[in-house]
Amino acid sequence: MKKKIILFVLSMLAKQIMQAQTHLEFDTIIDRGIYQSYYNLQHSSPSFVRYKLWKGGGKAKRAGLTFRQTVQGDIFHYARSGYDKGHLVPAADFAHSRNEMSVTFDYVNCLPQTPRLNRGEWKRDETKVRKWSQTDSLSIECGGLEYDTIRNQVPRYFYKIVISLTSRDTLLNKRYENK
């Protein structure tokens, strides 16, 4: 009896470990000029993005810009899902040019974020990073962690790492809960 219970517990743990992927592996790198998306074609989802930012921001307007699907696959269906289309590379970082800003409206730069995260702490840190970029050149990486729901397209957590290219100091290294 003890042996059966132990085997059952071990099988449940193994299943949880398989479901709670720490990091969605990427199988292709998509270069959009202003950022690179490390993308998983099997799950039709970015794992993370990397970009550099110097003097981010601007006055270009988002009106009329919509997300486009530039890679084949079954993207996450946002309508009535309760999730926002969470930019990994913020549109506002490249608002000095409507053309560059429009490049951020792509599903290779987007993961499902709860409204609380997307419009709260994530947005506050995006603003903070843009402010730092006014006086320093930055290298930024951000993405999702621990995918375990809806075909591995919704991360439990997000992360953002910001490094000064001048001093090589880490300015931000943060994990965000997607709830």
Protein backbone atom coordinates (compact mmCIF):
# COMPACT_ATOMS: atom_id res chain seq x y z
CA MET A 1 0.00 0.00 0.00
CA LYS A 2 2.80 2.41 0.92
CA LYS A 3 4.52 1.66 -2.37
CA LYS A 4 1.35 2.53 -4.34
CA ILE A 5 0.93 5.83 -2.49
CA ILE A 6 4.57 6.76 -3.09
CA LEU A 7 4.27 5.89 -6.80
CA PHE A 8 1.07 7.92 -7.07
CA VAL A 9 2.70 10.95 -5.40
CA LEU A 10 5.78 10.64 -7.62
CA SER A 11 3.65 10.42 -10.77
CA MET A 12 1.69 13.53 -9.72
CA LEU A 13 4.93 15.43 -9.03
CA ALA A 14 6.35 14.40 -12.41
CA LYS A 15 3.17 15.60 -14.12
CA GLN A 16 3.35 18.98 -12.33
CA ILE A 17 7.01 19.40 -13.24
CA MET A 18 6.22 18.69 -16.89
CA GLN A 19 3.31 21.15 -16.85
CA ALA A 20 5.18 23.94 -15.08
CA GLN A 21 7.89 24.62 -17.62
CA THR A 22 10.30 27.15 -16.21
CA HIS A 23 11.13 28.67 -19.56
CA LEU A 24 9.50 28.15 -22.93
CA GLU A 25 12.35 27.09 -25.22
CA PHE A 26 12.75 28.96 -28.48
CA ASP A 27 13.46 27.41 -31.85
CA THR A 28 13.85 30.50 -33.99
CA ILE A 29 15.03 34.10 -33.64
CA ILE A 30 12.92 36.70 -35.39
CA ASP A 31 14.77 39.98 -36.00
CA ARG A 32 12.46 42.99 -36.22
CA GLY A 33 15.26 45.56 -36.44
CA ILE A 34 14.47 47.29 -33.15
CA TYR A 35 14.15 44.00 -31.23
CA GLN A 36 14.75 40.27 -31.51
CA SER A 37 12.04 37.79 -30.55
CA TYR A 38 13.20 34.38 -29.36
CA TYR A 39 10.19 32.47 -30.57
CA ASN A 40 8.72 28.97 -30.09
CA LEU A 41 7.02 27.91 -33.34
CA GLN A 42 5.42 24.83 -31.78
CA HIS A 43 3.55 26.94 -29.22
CA SER A 44 3.16 30.01 -31.47
CA SER A 45 4.53 32.17 -28.70
CA PRO A 46 7.61 34.23 -27.87
CA SER A 47 9.82 32.94 -25.09
CA PHE A 48 11.52 36.30 -24.59
CA VAL A 49 12.67 39.42 -26.44
CA ARG A 50 15.86 41.46 -26.37
CA TYR A 51 16.38 45.04 -27.40
CA LYS A 52 18.49 48.12 -26.80
CA LEU A 53 17.05 51.47 -25.80
CA TRP A 54 18.54 54.96 -25.90
CA LYS A 55 16.30 58.01 -25.39
CA GLY A 56 13.08 55.98 -25.53
CA GLY A 57 9.70 57.64 -25.86
CA GLY A 58 8.17 60.18 -28.19
CA LYS A 59 4.90 61.68 -29.32
CA ALA A 60 3.68 59.21 -31.97
CA LYS A 61 0.10 58.07 -31.39
CA ARG A 62 -1.05 54.43 -31.13
CA ALA A 63 -4.44 55.16 -32.71
CA GLY A 64 -5.16 52.77 -35.56
CA LEU A 65 -2.31 50.37 -34.77
CA THR A 66 -3.43 46.76 -34.36
CA PHE A 67 -1.57 43.55 -33.65
CA ARG A 68 -0.64 41.52 -36.68
CA GLN A 69 0.36 37.90 -37.04
CA THR A 70 3.57 37.70 -39.05
CA VAL A 71 4.44 34.07 -38.17
CA GLN A 72 2.24 31.09 -39.06
CA GLY A 73 0.65 29.30 -36.12
CA ASP A 74 -2.27 29.15 -33.74
CA ILE A 75 -1.87 32.29 -31.61
CA PHE A 76 -3.53 32.74 -28.22
CA HIS A 77 -7.14 33.90 -28.58
CA TYR A 78 -7.42 37.08 -26.50
CA ALA A 79 -11.10 37.89 -27.09
CA ARG A 80 -13.02 37.34 -23.84
CA SER A 81 -10.02 35.52 -22.30
CA GLY A 82 -9.52 38.03 -19.48
CA TYR A 83 -5.97 38.73 -20.65
CA ASP A 84 -4.40 41.82 -22.23
CA LYS A 85 -2.08 41.68 -25.22
CA GLY A 86 1.02 42.40 -23.18
CA HIS A 87 3.78 44.05 -25.20
CA LEU A 88 7.20 42.72 -24.25
CA VAL A 89 8.88 45.59 -26.10
CA PRO A 90 6.64 48.54 -25.18
CA ALA A 91 5.22 50.57 -28.06
CA ALA A 92 5.92 53.75 -26.08
CA ASP A 93 9.68 52.99 -26.05
CA PHE A 94 9.72 53.62 -29.81
CA ALA A 95 7.10 56.39 -29.99
CA HIS A 96 9.66 58.73 -31.60
CA SER A 97 8.66 57.03 -34.87
CA ARG A 98 5.21 55.73 -35.77
CA ASN A 99 6.90 53.25 -38.12
CA GLU A 100 9.08 51.79 -35.36
CA MET A 101 6.23 51.85 -32.89
CA SER A 102 4.08 49.84 -35.33
CA VAL A 103 6.74 47.09 -35.39
CA THR A 104 5.97 46.38 -31.72
CA PHE A 105 2.35 45.51 -32.61
CA ASP A 106 3.18 41.93 -33.58
CA TYR A 107 2.28 38.68 -31.85
CA VAL A 108 5.99 37.77 -31.78
CA ASN A 109 6.25 40.60 -29.21
CA CYS A 110 3.21 39.76 -27.14
CA LEU A 111 2.19 37.42 -24.32
CA PRO A 112 -1.08 37.18 -22.35
CA GLN A 113 -0.89 39.41 -19.28
CA THR A 114 -3.53 40.00 -16.67
CA PRO A 115 -4.87 43.56 -16.79
CA ARG A 116 -3.62 44.02 -13.21
CA LEU A 117 -0.03 43.30 -14.25
CA ASN A 118 -0.09 44.93 -17.69
CA ARG A 119 -1.64 48.20 -16.55
CA GLY A 120 0.03 48.20 -13.12
CA GLU A 121 3.52 47.17 -12.05
CA TRP A 122 4.66 46.19 -15.59
CA LYS A 123 3.62 49.61 -16.96
CA ARG A 124 5.25 51.47 -14.04
CA ASP A 125 8.53 49.71 -14.70
CA GLU A 126 8.28 50.39 -18.45
CA THR A 127 7.99 54.09 -17.61
CA LYS A 128 10.96 53.86 -15.22
CA VAL A 129 13.09 52.18 -17.91
CA ARG A 130 12.19 54.88 -20.47
CA LYS A 131 13.27 57.51 -17.95
CA TRP A 132 16.62 55.77 -17.40
CA SER A 133 17.09 55.62 -21.18
CA GLN A 134 17.13 59.42 -21.37
CA THR A 135 20.62 59.44 -19.82
CA ASP A 136 21.91 55.91 -20.42
CA SER A 137 21.99 53.31 -23.17
CA LEU A 138 20.22 50.15 -21.99
CA SER A 139 20.06 46.47 -22.88
CA ILE A 140 16.72 44.88 -22.01
CA GLU A 141 15.47 41.30 -21.93
CA CYS A 142 11.99 40.27 -20.87
CA GLY A 143 9.70 37.31 -21.27
CA GLY A 144 7.55 34.71 -19.61
CA LEU A 145 8.30 32.00 -17.05
CA GLU A 146 6.52 28.85 -15.89
CA TYR A 147 4.04 28.19 -18.66
CA ASP A 148 1.41 25.74 -17.51
CA THR A 149 -1.98 26.65 -18.90
CA ILE A 150 -3.75 26.90 -22.24
CA ARG A 151 -1.27 25.07 -24.47
CA ASN A 152 1.78 26.67 -22.82
CA GLN A 153 0.87 30.17 -24.02
CA VAL A 154 0.08 31.84 -20.67
CA PRO A 155 3.05 32.39 -18.35
CA ARG A 156 2.56 32.36 -14.59
CA TYR A 157 5.36 34.90 -14.28
CA PHE A 158 7.11 37.51 -16.36
CA TYR A 159 10.63 38.80 -15.93
CA LYS A 160 12.54 41.89 -16.99
CA ILE A 161 16.28 42.48 -16.86
CA VAL A 162 17.73 45.91 -17.63
CA ILE A 163 21.48 46.47 -17.89
CA SER A 164 23.29 49.77 -18.37
CA LEU A 165 25.52 49.54 -21.43
CA THR A 166 27.63 52.37 -19.97
CA SER A 167 28.41 51.02 -16.50
CA ARG A 168 27.41 47.34 -17.07
CA ASP A 169 25.35 47.60 -13.86
CA THR A 170 22.09 45.68 -13.59
CA LEU A 171 19.43 48.36 -13.10
CA LEU A 172 16.46 46.00 -12.87
CA ASN A 173 16.19 42.25 -12.41
CA LYS A 174 12.61 41.48 -11.51
CA ARG A 175 10.04 38.71 -11.64
CA TYR A 176 6.33 39.62 -11.88
CA GLU A 177 3.41 37.39 -10.99
CA ASN A 178 0.85 37.22 -13.80
CA LYS A 179 -2.27 37.43 -11.65
